Protein backbone atom coordinates (compact mmCIF):
# COMPACT_ATOMS: atom_id res chain seq x y z
CA MET A 1 21.69 -16.61 -22.80
CA SER A 2 21.35 -13.11 -22.84
CA GLU A 3 20.57 -12.63 -18.95
CA ILE A 4 21.83 -9.89 -16.88
CA ARG A 5 22.90 -10.97 -13.16
CA ILE A 6 23.50 -8.31 -10.61
CA GLU A 7 24.88 -9.22 -7.39
CA ASN A 8 25.28 -7.14 -4.27
CA ILE A 9 26.53 -3.90 -6.31
CA SER A 10 27.49 -0.81 -4.19
CA LYS A 11 28.73 2.32 -5.28
CA ASN A 12 29.98 5.52 -3.10
CA TYR A 13 30.73 8.94 -3.86
CA GLY A 14 32.74 10.07 -0.92
CA LYS A 15 30.29 9.66 1.94
CA VAL A 16 27.33 9.53 -0.27
CA GLN A 17 26.18 5.96 -0.97
CA ALA A 18 24.65 6.04 -4.34
CA VAL A 19 23.98 2.38 -4.87
CA LYS A 20 23.42 -0.09 -1.85
CA ASN A 21 24.01 -3.67 -1.93
CA VAL A 22 21.72 -3.98 -5.18
CA SER A 23 20.81 -7.59 -6.50
CA PHE A 24 18.15 -8.50 -9.35
CA SER A 25 18.32 -10.26 -12.81
CA VAL A 26 17.09 -9.47 -16.35
CA LYS A 27 15.91 -12.68 -18.01
CA SER A 28 16.59 -13.39 -21.71
CA GLY A 29 14.19 -11.69 -23.89
CA GLU A 30 12.63 -9.58 -20.91
CA LEU A 31 11.82 -5.99 -20.68
CA PHE A 32 12.72 -4.95 -17.16
CA GLY A 33 11.87 -1.70 -15.66
CA LEU A 34 13.95 0.11 -13.06
CA ILE A 35 11.66 2.59 -11.38
CA GLY A 36 12.55 5.58 -9.19
CA PRO A 37 12.70 9.05 -8.84
CA ASP A 38 15.87 11.62 -9.86
CA GLY A 39 18.54 10.98 -7.16
CA ALA A 40 17.62 7.17 -6.67
CA GLY A 41 20.73 5.80 -8.17
CA LYS A 42 19.34 4.44 -11.42
CA SER A 43 21.92 6.32 -13.54
CA SER A 44 24.67 4.92 -11.40
CA LEU A 45 23.65 1.50 -11.53
CA ILE A 46 23.39 1.56 -15.33
CA ARG A 47 26.90 2.84 -15.67
CA ILE A 48 28.16 0.22 -13.79
CA ILE A 49 26.34 -2.14 -15.86
CA THR A 50 27.60 -0.73 -19.15
CA SER A 51 30.94 -1.01 -17.73
CA LEU A 52 31.32 2.89 -17.69
CA LEU A 53 31.55 2.93 -13.74
CA LEU A 54 33.52 0.57 -11.65
CA PRO A 55 31.50 -0.69 -8.53
CA ASP A 56 33.09 -0.69 -5.02
CA SER A 57 31.71 -4.24 -4.49
CA GLY A 58 29.51 -6.85 -6.00
CA ASN A 59 29.66 -8.22 -9.41
CA ILE A 60 27.66 -8.21 -12.74
CA GLN A 61 27.26 -10.97 -15.39
CA LEU A 62 26.15 -10.22 -18.98
CA GLY A 63 25.47 -13.52 -20.36
CA GLU A 64 28.92 -15.50 -19.50
CA TYR A 65 30.82 -12.17 -19.09
CA ASP A 66 32.01 -10.28 -16.05
CA VAL A 67 31.28 -6.59 -16.51
CA VAL A 68 34.86 -5.44 -15.08
CA LYS A 69 37.15 -8.35 -16.55
CA ASP A 70 35.19 -8.46 -19.75
CA TYR A 71 34.45 -4.98 -20.36
CA LYS A 72 35.73 -4.81 -24.11
CA ILE A 73 33.67 -7.68 -25.11
CA ILE A 74 30.47 -6.44 -23.23
CA ARG A 75 30.82 -3.05 -24.94
CA ARG A 76 30.20 -4.74 -28.25
CA LEU A 77 27.17 -6.91 -26.92
CA ILE A 78 25.10 -3.77 -25.68
CA GLY A 79 23.33 -1.08 -27.04
CA TYR A 80 23.37 2.08 -24.65
CA MET A 81 21.08 4.94 -24.82
CA PRO A 82 21.94 7.66 -22.10
CA GLY A 83 19.27 9.55 -20.46
CA LYS A 84 20.93 12.94 -22.15
CA PHE A 85 20.87 13.09 -25.91
CA SER A 86 24.83 12.26 -26.69
CA LEU A 87 24.56 12.12 -30.62
CA TYR A 88 26.95 14.33 -32.85
CA GLN A 89 24.76 17.17 -33.32
CA ASP A 90 26.30 18.60 -36.33
CA LEU A 91 26.13 15.38 -38.24
CA THR A 92 22.91 14.32 -40.19
CA VAL A 93 20.57 11.72 -39.16
CA LYS A 94 22.24 9.24 -41.83
CA GLU A 95 25.77 10.53 -40.74
CA ASN A 96 25.13 9.58 -37.15
CA LEU A 97 23.77 5.92 -37.91
CA GLU A 98 26.63 5.04 -40.54
CA PHE A 99 29.30 6.43 -37.90
CA PHE A 100 27.88 4.11 -35.10
CA ALA A 101 27.25 1.16 -37.90
CA THR A 102 31.06 1.75 -38.70
CA VAL A 103 32.13 1.83 -35.01
CA PHE A 104 31.16 -1.65 -34.64
CA GLY A 105 32.29 -3.00 -38.12
CA SER A 106 28.69 -3.14 -39.27
CA SER A 107 26.36 -1.15 -41.84
CA ILE A 108 22.91 0.27 -42.17
CA GLU A 109 22.13 -2.34 -44.70
CA GLU A 110 23.35 -5.31 -42.79
CA ASN A 111 20.76 -4.74 -39.56
CA TYR A 112 18.34 -2.65 -41.31
CA ASP A 113 15.49 -4.98 -40.46
CA LEU A 114 16.17 -4.41 -36.74
CA ILE A 115 15.59 -1.04 -36.85
CA LYS A 116 13.21 -0.43 -39.59
CA ASP A 117 10.14 0.19 -37.72
CA ILE A 118 11.98 3.02 -35.98
CA TYR A 119 14.06 4.46 -38.70
CA HIS A 120 11.42 4.70 -41.31
CA GLN A 121 9.65 7.36 -39.07
CA ILE A 122 13.00 9.68 -39.13
CA GLU A 123 14.25 8.55 -42.63
CA PRO A 124 12.44 11.42 -44.42
CA PHE A 125 14.88 13.70 -42.33
CA LYS A 126 18.02 11.70 -43.16
CA ASN A 127 19.70 14.76 -44.33
CA ARG A 128 18.93 17.01 -41.21
CA ARG A 129 21.22 17.92 -38.55
CA ALA A 130 20.57 15.52 -35.25
CA GLY A 131 20.85 19.12 -33.31
CA LYS A 132 17.82 20.18 -35.21
CA LEU A 133 15.67 17.42 -34.70
CA SER A 134 12.55 17.12 -32.56
CA GLY A 135 12.56 15.36 -29.38
CA GLY A 136 10.77 12.50 -30.17
CA MET A 137 12.83 12.15 -33.50
CA LYS A 138 15.90 12.59 -31.32
CA GLN A 139 14.99 9.62 -29.28
CA LYS A 140 14.16 7.54 -32.25
CA LEU A 141 17.75 8.52 -33.71
CA ALA A 142 19.54 7.44 -30.37
CA LEU A 143 17.72 4.24 -30.30
CA SER A 144 18.60 3.16 -33.85
CA CYS A 145 22.12 4.29 -33.30
CA ALA A 146 22.03 1.90 -30.20
CA LEU A 147 20.76 -1.08 -32.41
CA ILE A 148 22.35 -0.45 -35.13
CA HIS A 149 25.04 -3.43 -34.44
CA LYS A 150 22.25 -6.12 -33.37
CA PRO A 151 22.98 -6.04 -29.62
CA GLU A 152 22.20 -8.78 -27.16
CA PHE A 153 21.39 -6.27 -24.47
CA LEU A 154 19.63 -3.00 -24.60
CA ILE A 155 20.13 -0.49 -21.81
CA LEU A 156 18.25 2.67 -21.47
CA ASP A 157 18.92 5.50 -19.01
CA GLU A 158 15.10 7.41 -18.56
CA PRO A 159 15.15 7.23 -22.62
CA THR A 160 11.76 9.30 -22.38
CA THR A 161 12.27 11.72 -20.19
CA GLY A 162 11.42 15.43 -21.55
CA VAL A 163 9.69 13.91 -24.58
CA ASP A 164 6.02 14.39 -25.24
CA ALA A 165 3.11 11.97 -24.05
CA VAL A 166 2.64 10.58 -27.50
CA SER A 167 6.36 10.12 -28.22
CA ARG A 168 6.72 8.14 -24.91
CA ALA A 169 3.89 5.77 -25.78
CA GLU A 170 5.28 5.11 -29.24
CA PHE A 171 8.84 4.55 -27.85
CA TRP A 172 7.36 1.80 -25.40
CA ASP A 173 5.57 0.29 -28.72
CA MET A 174 8.88 0.00 -30.21
CA LEU A 175 10.40 -1.57 -27.23
CA ASP A 176 7.74 -4.23 -27.02
CA ARG A 177 8.34 -5.10 -30.74
CA LEU A 178 12.33 -5.41 -29.96
CA LYS A 179 11.67 -7.49 -27.19
CA SER A 180 9.87 -10.05 -29.46
CA LYS A 181 12.92 -10.49 -31.38
CA GLY A 182 14.79 -11.79 -28.23
CA ILE A 183 16.84 -8.61 -27.19
CA SER A 184 17.18 -8.23 -23.20
CA ILE A 185 15.93 -4.80 -22.19
CA LEU A 186 16.67 -2.89 -19.32
CA ALA A 187 15.08 0.54 -18.93
CA SER A 188 15.06 3.21 -16.33
CA THR A 189 12.40 5.65 -15.76
CA PRO A 190 10.56 7.90 -13.31
CA TYR A 191 7.25 7.51 -14.56
CA MET A 192 5.00 5.06 -13.00
CA ASP A 193 2.81 4.54 -16.05
CA GLU A 194 5.54 3.27 -18.00
CA ALA A 195 6.09 0.56 -15.32
CA MET A 196 3.01 -0.90 -16.44
CA ARG A 197 4.74 -1.59 -19.94
CA CYS A 198 7.49 -3.88 -18.41
CA ASP A 199 7.51 -7.59 -17.89
CA ARG A 200 9.00 -7.21 -14.41
CA ILE A 201 10.03 -4.00 -12.46
CA ALA A 202 12.46 -3.12 -9.55
CA LEU A 203 11.40 -0.07 -7.12
CA MET A 204 14.56 1.86 -6.53
CA GLN A 205 15.00 4.41 -3.85
CA LYS A 206 17.99 5.98 -2.22
CA GLY A 207 20.18 3.50 -3.86
CA GLU A 208 18.37 0.52 -2.81
CA ILE A 209 15.83 -2.00 -4.37
CA LEU A 210 12.84 -1.79 -2.31
CA GLY A 211 10.92 -4.48 -4.29
CA THR A 212 11.00 -6.65 -7.54
CA ASN A 213 7.95 -8.30 -9.19
CA LYS A 214 5.86 -8.09 -12.30
CA PRO A 215 3.69 -4.90 -12.30
CA SER A 216 0.62 -6.84 -11.76
CA GLU A 217 1.47 -8.55 -8.77
CA ILE A 218 3.74 -5.55 -7.12
CA SER A 219 0.52 -4.36 -5.52
CA LYS A 220 0.47 -7.17 -3.16
CA MET A 221 3.30 -6.02 -1.26
CA ILE A 222 0.85 -3.85 0.71
CA GLN A 223 -0.94 -6.05 3.03
CA HIS A 224 -3.38 -3.37 4.62
CA ASP A 225 -6.47 -2.51 2.85
CA MET A 226 -6.62 0.31 0.74
CA PHE A 227 -9.31 3.08 0.09
CA GLY A 228 -9.98 6.09 -2.20
CA VAL A 229 -11.55 9.11 -0.34
CA ARG A 230 -12.68 12.45 -1.47
CA ALA A 231 -14.92 14.98 -0.43
CA ASP A 232 -15.51 18.80 -1.38
CA ASP A 233 -12.73 20.16 1.32
CA MET A 234 -9.90 18.18 0.25
CA TYR A 235 -7.43 19.79 2.23
CA LYS A 236 -9.47 19.23 5.63
CA LEU A 237 -10.10 15.69 4.68
CA LYS A 238 -6.41 14.99 4.12
CA GLN A 239 -5.66 16.98 7.37
CA PHE A 240 -8.07 14.74 9.32
CA LEU A 241 -6.80 11.24 7.96
CA SER A 242 -3.39 12.30 8.61
CA LYS A 243 -4.03 12.61 12.34
CA CYS A 244 -6.56 9.57 12.42
CA ILE A 245 -5.03 6.94 14.55
CA ASP A 246 -6.78 4.24 12.27
CA VAL A 247 -5.19 5.17 9.31
CA ASP A 248 -1.43 3.74 8.22
CA ALA A 249 -0.72 5.93 5.40
CA VAL A 250 -2.20 9.15 3.51
CA ASN A 251 -1.35 10.07 0.13
CA LEU A 252 -2.79 12.54 -2.19
CA PHE A 253 -3.75 10.90 -6.20
CA GLY A 254 -5.15 13.40 -8.39
CA GLN A 255 -8.78 14.10 -7.23
CA GLU A 256 -8.58 11.49 -4.69
CA ILE A 257 -6.80 10.62 -1.36
CA HIS A 258 -5.55 6.98 -1.04
CA ILE A 259 -5.43 5.59 2.49
CA SER A 260 -4.42 2.09 4.14
CA LEU A 261 -5.93 1.29 7.28
CA LYS A 262 -3.65 -0.31 10.19
CA THR A 263 -4.00 -3.74 11.17
CA GLY A 264 -7.00 -4.85 12.93
CA ILE A 265 -8.95 -1.67 11.68
CA ASN A 266 -11.94 -2.15 9.75
CA GLU A 267 -13.70 -0.21 7.00
CA THR A 268 -16.92 0.74 9.13
CA SER A 269 -14.63 2.30 11.89
CA ILE A 270 -12.96 4.87 9.79
CA ARG A 271 -16.47 5.25 7.95
CA GLU A 272 -18.07 6.20 11.16
CA LYS A 273 -15.65 8.93 12.13
CA LEU A 274 -15.37 10.39 8.84
CA ALA A 275 -19.20 10.79 9.00
CA LEU A 276 -18.99 12.49 12.40
CA GLN A 277 -16.65 15.17 11.05
CA GLY A 278 -19.58 16.30 8.60
CA PHE A 279 -17.57 16.39 5.18
CA SER A 280 -20.07 17.08 2.14
CA ASN A 281 -20.17 14.94 -0.85
CA LEU A 282 -18.05 12.36 0.98
CA GLU A 283 -16.97 9.41 -0.99
CA PHE A 284 -15.39 6.42 -0.05
CA ARG A 285 -14.39 3.30 -1.93
CA GLN A 286 -11.95 0.19 -1.54
CA ILE A 287 -9.60 0.24 -4.17
CA GLU A 288 -6.51 -2.02 -5.23
CA ALA A 289 -3.12 -0.52 -4.66
CA GLU A 290 -1.34 1.01 -7.58
CA ILE A 291 2.40 1.17 -8.16
CA GLU A 292 2.48 4.63 -6.52
CA ASP A 293 1.01 3.40 -3.56
CA VAL A 294 3.38 0.61 -3.22
CA PHE A 295 6.04 3.01 -3.84
CA ILE A 296 5.19 5.50 -1.28
CA HIS A 297 4.37 2.58 1.36
CA LEU A 298 7.99 0.99 0.68
CA MET A 299 9.67 4.62 1.06
CA THR A 300 8.00 5.29 4.39
CA ARG A 301 8.98 1.93 5.57
CA GLN A 302 12.53 2.44 4.22
CA ALA A 303 12.48 5.86 5.97
CA LYS A 304 11.27 4.44 9.49
CA GLU A 305 13.86 1.70 9.09
CA VAL A 306 16.82 4.33 8.69
CA LYS A 307 15.55 6.51 11.85
CA ASN A 308 15.31 3.47 13.91
CA ASP A 309 19.00 2.33 13.02
CA GLN A 310 20.25 5.81 14.10
């Protein structure tokens, strides 16, 4: 089975613990998202999964193979797309694709069916040097090169960073189609909207996994009632809510402030306190927690636990 099993992986760089006892699995044919900001430890973990970096502890299995002991086999089973464009800039589109196919003892013709939905968009530019391509076309070429040997596992490290919104959406549409072909996909991203395109996600911050679940279920990790609040003076509103003893968390989301109430506090209590402040055009509505809310909530809890341990 094309399953990835990650168990108790840790990695230190001197005194900095980049990955802290991380465990999760990616099922066969699943699109799994590793979600977190820059510096969360995503790239270090992905380099360990792809056998480019040795862990300090723990183990990883890709199918029946161990990522350390069987690294030569694993490198033939995975398609890897690093965050930084790493193809040969002086080679043309076609030459890059032919090169990577040859490295794996394959050919463009042999696995063309796997990449045709992607490659046909850049095929008109097949004689253009890779370094002269736009960001979106570089992305499609890199994905084509990662797939040309028909891998069982596709590992993508922030593949859409720095790419326009349209190309980002197209890229995730391509991943949906690849998943239907039975390829197990692990993709890291700092974009919360891309998390909704995954079957399951893991939220990662400061080297730790804060939570793992389906995107539609992740909101249930917040047990408190959530509300969206806005008024004409948003700065004053946020200041008041941040100091209000009834409020557990306050975060600004676009044109609205998201708050969660402390246990035992009801909606009426906070409404009355807001009314007494005389905010003009005050709006107050109950909402369902979004992934961003959950992430901030778990980050805050993580920071409190670290502080208590010190």
